[in-house]
Amino acid sequence: MDFSKKVWLLPQTKTDQPMLIPLTDLAAQAFEGLRALAHGSAWVLPAKKTASHLKPAALGASLQYARGRFRDAGVAPFTLHDLRRTCRTGLGRLGVARDIAELVINHRPRGIVATYDIHAYLDEKRAALERWSAHLMSLATKI
């Protein structure tokens, strides 16, 4: 994480490519809070018993653990992948161009487009995520 540039570099993703993710103010604040909870770890989400990061499966297990509280609050069951789908659908509803929304969720173009267009679209992804962040904040103020 580079908080001064408001970007997060994921060195490896499901596409086996690094991904540079622009951070909105809302996301940066959330990660700053997580960093404070990490007590000096190099990882934003450190593992409890090792000097490594939290394994992705642990996030799913945490969601399972909280499922009863979500149910009691009237929240329908969901998976972590549903959050990704919600974001992608929301970007479409907010008028974000399809190709940019796909890049936000790390869906890479294929074929000739992938060969000739190697631009990172960081500014465009940042603008899309700023719209999503504003939308989330508008929902939070309605609660």
C-alpha atoms as a PDB file:
ATOM      1  CA  MET A   1       0.000   0.000   0.000  1.00  0.00           C
ATOM      2  CA  ASP A   2       1.228   3.425  -0.878  1.00  0.00           C
ATOM      3  CA  PHE A   3      -0.997   5.751   1.109  1.00  0.00           C
ATOM      4  CA  SER A   4       0.710   8.874  -0.236  1.00  0.00           C
ATOM      5  CA  LYS A   5      -0.168   7.888  -3.825  1.00  0.00           C
ATOM      6  CA  LYS A   6      -3.426   6.204  -2.754  1.00  0.00           C
ATOM      7  CA  VAL A   7      -2.707   2.932  -4.541  1.00  0.00           C
ATOM      8  CA  TRP A   8      -2.524  -0.708  -3.547  1.00  0.00           C
ATOM      9  CA  LEU A   9      -0.296  -3.075  -5.475  1.00  0.00           C
ATOM     10  CA  LEU A  10      -1.387  -6.689  -5.414  1.00  0.00           C
ATOM     11  CA  PRO A  11       1.731  -8.542  -6.557  1.00  0.00           C
ATOM     12  CA  GLN A  12      -0.208 -11.596  -7.704  1.00  0.00           C
ATOM     13  CA  THR A  13      -3.844 -12.082  -8.628  1.00  0.00           C
ATOM     14  CA  LYS A  14      -5.955 -14.793 -10.185  1.00  0.00           C
ATOM     15  CA  THR A  15      -4.669 -13.638 -13.586  1.00  0.00           C
ATOM     16  CA  ASP A  16      -1.052 -14.208 -12.447  1.00  0.00           C
ATOM     17  CA  GLN A  17      -0.453 -10.519 -13.121  1.00  0.00           C
ATOM     18  CA  PRO A  18       0.160  -7.746 -10.605  1.00  0.00           C
ATOM     19  CA  MET A  19      -2.750  -5.351 -10.173  1.00  0.00           C
ATOM     20  CA  LEU A  20      -2.545  -1.698  -9.188  1.00  0.00           C
ATOM     21  CA  ILE A  21      -5.720  -0.651  -7.386  1.00  0.00           C
ATOM     22  CA  PRO A  22      -6.519   3.021  -6.833  1.00  0.00           C
ATOM     23  CA  LEU A  23      -7.709   3.750  -3.302  1.00  0.00           C
ATOM     24  CA  THR A  24     -10.576   6.130  -2.695  1.00  0.00           C
ATOM     25  CA  ASP A  25     -10.555   8.201   0.492  1.00  0.00           C
ATOM     26  CA  LEU A  26     -13.100   5.770   1.957  1.00  0.00           C
ATOM     27  CA  ALA A  27     -10.941   2.737   1.123  1.00  0.00           C
ATOM     28  CA  ALA A  28      -7.772   4.430   2.368  1.00  0.00           C
ATOM     29  CA  GLN A  29      -9.495   5.223   5.686  1.00  0.00           C
ATOM     30  CA  ALA A  30     -10.605   1.598   6.028  1.00  0.00           C
ATOM     31  CA  PHE A  31      -7.103   0.331   5.326  1.00  0.00           C
ATOM     32  CA  GLU A  32      -5.601   2.851   7.749  1.00  0.00           C
ATOM     33  CA  GLY A  33      -7.912   1.430  10.404  1.00  0.00           C
ATOM     34  CA  LEU A  34      -6.846  -2.111   9.528  1.00  0.00           C
ATOM     35  CA  ARG A  35      -3.198  -1.064   9.633  1.00  0.00           C
ATOM     36  CA  ALA A  36      -3.705   0.226  13.175  1.00  0.00           C
ATOM     37  CA  LEU A  37      -5.261  -3.113  14.142  1.00  0.00           C
ATOM     38  CA  ALA A  38      -2.340  -5.015  12.556  1.00  0.00           C
ATOM     39  CA  HIS A  39       0.010  -3.770  15.306  1.00  0.00           C
ATOM     40  CA  GLY A  40       3.036  -3.119  13.098  1.00  0.00           C
ATOM     41  CA  SER A  41       2.699  -6.159  10.855  1.00  0.00           C
ATOM     42  CA  ALA A  42       3.846  -5.826   7.252  1.00  0.00           C
ATOM     43  CA  TRP A  43       0.437  -7.234   6.303  1.00  0.00           C
ATOM     44  CA  VAL A  44      -2.851  -5.330   6.368  1.00  0.00           C
ATOM     45  CA  LEU A  45      -4.606  -8.536   7.390  1.00  0.00           C
ATOM     46  CA  PRO A  46      -1.976 -10.527   9.293  1.00  0.00           C
ATOM     47  CA  ALA A  47      -2.448 -14.141  10.292  1.00  0.00           C
ATOM     48  CA  LYS A  48      -2.870 -14.640  14.024  1.00  0.00           C
ATOM     49  CA  LYS A  49      -0.343 -17.409  14.532  1.00  0.00           C
ATOM     50  CA  THR A  50       2.283 -16.793  11.837  1.00  0.00           C
ATOM     51  CA  ALA A  51       4.240 -13.893  10.390  1.00  0.00           C
ATOM     52  CA  SER A  52       2.258 -14.225   7.166  1.00  0.00           C
ATOM     53  CA  HIS A  53      -0.959 -12.754   5.835  1.00  0.00           C
ATOM     54  CA  LEU A  54      -4.466 -13.961   6.489  1.00  0.00           C
ATOM     55  CA  LYS A  55      -5.380 -16.744   4.067  1.00  0.00           C
ATOM     56  CA  PRO A  56      -8.351 -16.048   1.768  1.00  0.00           C
ATOM     57  CA  ALA A  57     -10.213 -19.046   3.178  1.00  0.00           C
ATOM     58  CA  ALA A  58     -10.156 -17.370   6.583  1.00  0.00           C
ATOM     59  CA  LEU A  59     -12.245 -14.497   5.202  1.00  0.00           C
ATOM     60  CA  GLY A  60     -14.895 -16.966   4.068  1.00  0.00           C
ATOM     61  CA  ALA A  61     -14.785 -18.666   7.459  1.00  0.00           C
ATOM     62  CA  SER A  62     -15.226 -15.296   9.180  1.00  0.00           C
ATOM     63  CA  LEU A  63     -18.250 -14.609   7.007  1.00  0.00           C
ATOM     64  CA  GLN A  64     -19.685 -17.992   7.976  1.00  0.00           C
ATOM     65  CA  TYR A  65     -19.051 -17.209  11.637  1.00  0.00           C
ATOM     66  CA  ALA A  66     -20.976 -13.916  11.349  1.00  0.00           C
ATOM     67  CA  ARG A  67     -23.830 -15.398   9.311  1.00  0.00           C
ATOM     68  CA  GLY A  68     -26.168 -15.606  12.312  1.00  0.00           C
ATOM     69  CA  ARG A  69     -25.661 -11.942  13.139  1.00  0.00           C
ATOM     70  CA  PHE A  70     -26.349 -10.990   9.528  1.00  0.00           C
ATOM     71  CA  ARG A  71     -29.497 -13.121   9.526  1.00  0.00           C
ATOM     72  CA  ASP A  72     -30.690 -11.517  12.770  1.00  0.00           C
ATOM     73  CA  ALA A  73     -30.158  -8.081  11.178  1.00  0.00           C
ATOM     74  CA  GLY A  74     -32.287  -9.075   8.166  1.00  0.00           C
ATOM     75  CA  VAL A  75     -29.398  -9.491   5.728  1.00  0.00           C
ATOM     76  CA  ALA A  76     -29.880 -12.277   3.193  1.00  0.00           C
ATOM     77  CA  PRO A  77     -27.115 -14.888   3.004  1.00  0.00           C
ATOM     78  CA  PHE A  78     -24.219 -13.928   0.731  1.00  0.00           C
ATOM     79  CA  THR A  79     -20.710 -14.979  -0.205  1.00  0.00           C
ATOM     80  CA  LEU A  80     -17.572 -12.889  -0.609  1.00  0.00           C
ATOM     81  CA  HIS A  81     -17.937 -13.278  -4.378  1.00  0.00           C
ATOM     82  CA  ASP A  82     -21.397 -11.693  -4.125  1.00  0.00           C
ATOM     83  CA  LEU A  83     -19.689  -8.492  -2.931  1.00  0.00           C
ATOM     84  CA  ARG A  84     -17.619  -8.469  -6.125  1.00  0.00           C
ATOM     85  CA  ARG A  85     -20.743  -8.996  -8.243  1.00  0.00           C
ATOM     86  CA  THR A  86     -22.550  -6.240  -6.343  1.00  0.00           C
ATOM     87  CA  CYS A  87     -19.731  -3.804  -7.043  1.00  0.00           C
ATOM     88  CA  ARG A  88     -19.597  -4.712 -10.739  1.00  0.00           C
ATOM     89  CA  THR A  89     -23.362  -4.414 -11.133  1.00  0.00           C
ATOM     90  CA  GLY A  90     -23.348  -1.139  -9.210  1.00  0.00           C
ATOM     91  CA  LEU A  91     -20.649   0.313 -11.448  1.00  0.00           C
ATOM     92  CA  GLY A  92     -22.831  -0.482 -14.445  1.00  0.00           C
ATOM     93  CA  ARG A  93     -25.835   1.185 -12.824  1.00  0.00           C
ATOM     94  CA  LEU A  94     -23.719   4.252 -12.094  1.00  0.00           C
ATOM     95  CA  GLY A  95     -22.868   4.582 -15.782  1.00  0.00           C
ATOM     96  CA  VAL A  96     -19.263   3.387 -15.629  1.00  0.00           C
ATOM     97  CA  ALA A  97     -18.152   2.123 -19.033  1.00  0.00           C
ATOM     98  CA  ARG A  98     -18.238  -1.658 -19.268  1.00  0.00           C
ATOM     99  CA  ASP A  99     -14.540  -2.012 -20.120  1.00  0.00           C
ATOM    100  CA  ILE A 100     -13.509   0.125 -17.141  1.00  0.00           C
ATOM    101  CA  ALA A 101     -15.855  -1.697 -14.759  1.00  0.00           C
ATOM    102  CA  GLU A 102     -14.356  -4.994 -15.922  1.00  0.00           C
ATOM    103  CA  LEU A 103     -10.836  -3.697 -15.270  1.00  0.00           C
ATOM    104  CA  VAL A 104     -11.874  -2.595 -11.769  1.00  0.00           C
ATOM    105  CA  ILE A 105     -12.684  -6.204 -10.878  1.00  0.00           C
ATOM    106  CA  ASN A 106      -9.522  -7.423 -12.639  1.00  0.00           C
ATOM    107  CA  HIS A 107     -11.138  -8.928 -15.718  1.00  0.00           C
ATOM    108  CA  ARG A 108      -8.510  -8.503 -18.399  1.00  0.00           C
ATOM    109  CA  PRO A 109      -9.265  -7.941 -22.083  1.00  0.00           C
ATOM    110  CA  ARG A 110      -8.451 -10.808 -24.411  1.00  0.00           C
ATOM    111  CA  GLY A 111      -7.178 -11.238 -27.898  1.00  0.00           C
ATOM    112  CA  ILE A 112      -6.026  -8.329 -29.981  1.00  0.00           C
ATOM    113  CA  VAL A 113      -7.144  -5.742 -27.402  1.00  0.00           C
ATOM    114  CA  ALA A 114      -4.924  -7.341 -24.758  1.00  0.00           C
ATOM    115  CA  THR A 115      -2.022  -7.365 -27.198  1.00  0.00           C
ATOM    116  CA  TYR A 116      -2.207  -3.738 -28.282  1.00  0.00           C
ATOM    117  CA  ASP A 117      -3.719  -1.870 -25.356  1.00  0.00           C
ATOM    118  CA  ILE A 118      -1.380  -2.111 -22.382  1.00  0.00           C
ATOM    119  CA  HIS A 119      -2.511   1.129 -20.711  1.00  0.00           C
ATOM    120  CA  ALA A 120      -3.237   0.578 -16.988  1.00  0.00           C
ATOM    121  CA  TYR A 121      -6.334   2.870 -16.923  1.00  0.00           C
ATOM    122  CA  LEU A 122      -5.492   3.883 -13.356  1.00  0.00           C
ATOM    123  CA  ASP A 123      -7.207   7.287 -13.586  1.00  0.00           C
ATOM    124  CA  GLU A 124     -10.319   5.752 -15.133  1.00  0.00           C
ATOM    125  CA  LYS A 125     -10.471   3.020 -12.489  1.00  0.00           C
ATOM    126  CA  ARG A 126      -9.988   5.652  -9.784  1.00  0.00           C
ATOM    127  CA  ALA A 127     -12.904   7.699 -11.179  1.00  0.00           C
ATOM    128  CA  ALA A 128     -15.099   4.585 -11.271  1.00  0.00           C
ATOM    129  CA  LEU A 129     -14.205   3.670  -7.695  1.00  0.00           C
ATOM    130  CA  GLU A 130     -14.815   7.253  -6.550  1.00  0.00           C
ATOM    131  CA  ARG A 131     -18.339   6.975  -7.980  1.00  0.00           C
ATOM    132  CA  TRP A 132     -18.834   3.650  -6.207  1.00  0.00           C
ATOM    133  CA  SER A 133     -17.504   5.106  -2.955  1.00  0.00           C
ATOM    134  CA  ALA A 134     -19.869   8.085  -3.191  1.00  0.00           C
ATOM    135  CA  HIS A 135     -22.754   5.692  -3.844  1.00  0.00           C
ATOM    136  CA  LEU A 136     -21.861   3.619  -0.782  1.00  0.00           C
ATOM    137  CA  MET A 137     -21.646   6.735   1.360  1.00  0.00           C
ATOM    138  CA  SER A 138     -25.066   7.862   0.119  1.00  0.00           C
ATOM    139  CA  LEU A 139     -26.497   4.516   1.186  1.00  0.00           C
ATOM    140  CA  ALA A 140     -24.808   4.733   4.586  1.00  0.00           C
ATOM    141  CA  THR A 141     -26.387   8.132   5.269  1.00  0.00           C
ATOM    142  CA  LYS A 142     -29.841   6.614   4.665  1.00  0.00           C
ATOM    143  CA  ILE A 143     -29.436   4.074   7.469  1.00  0.00           C
END
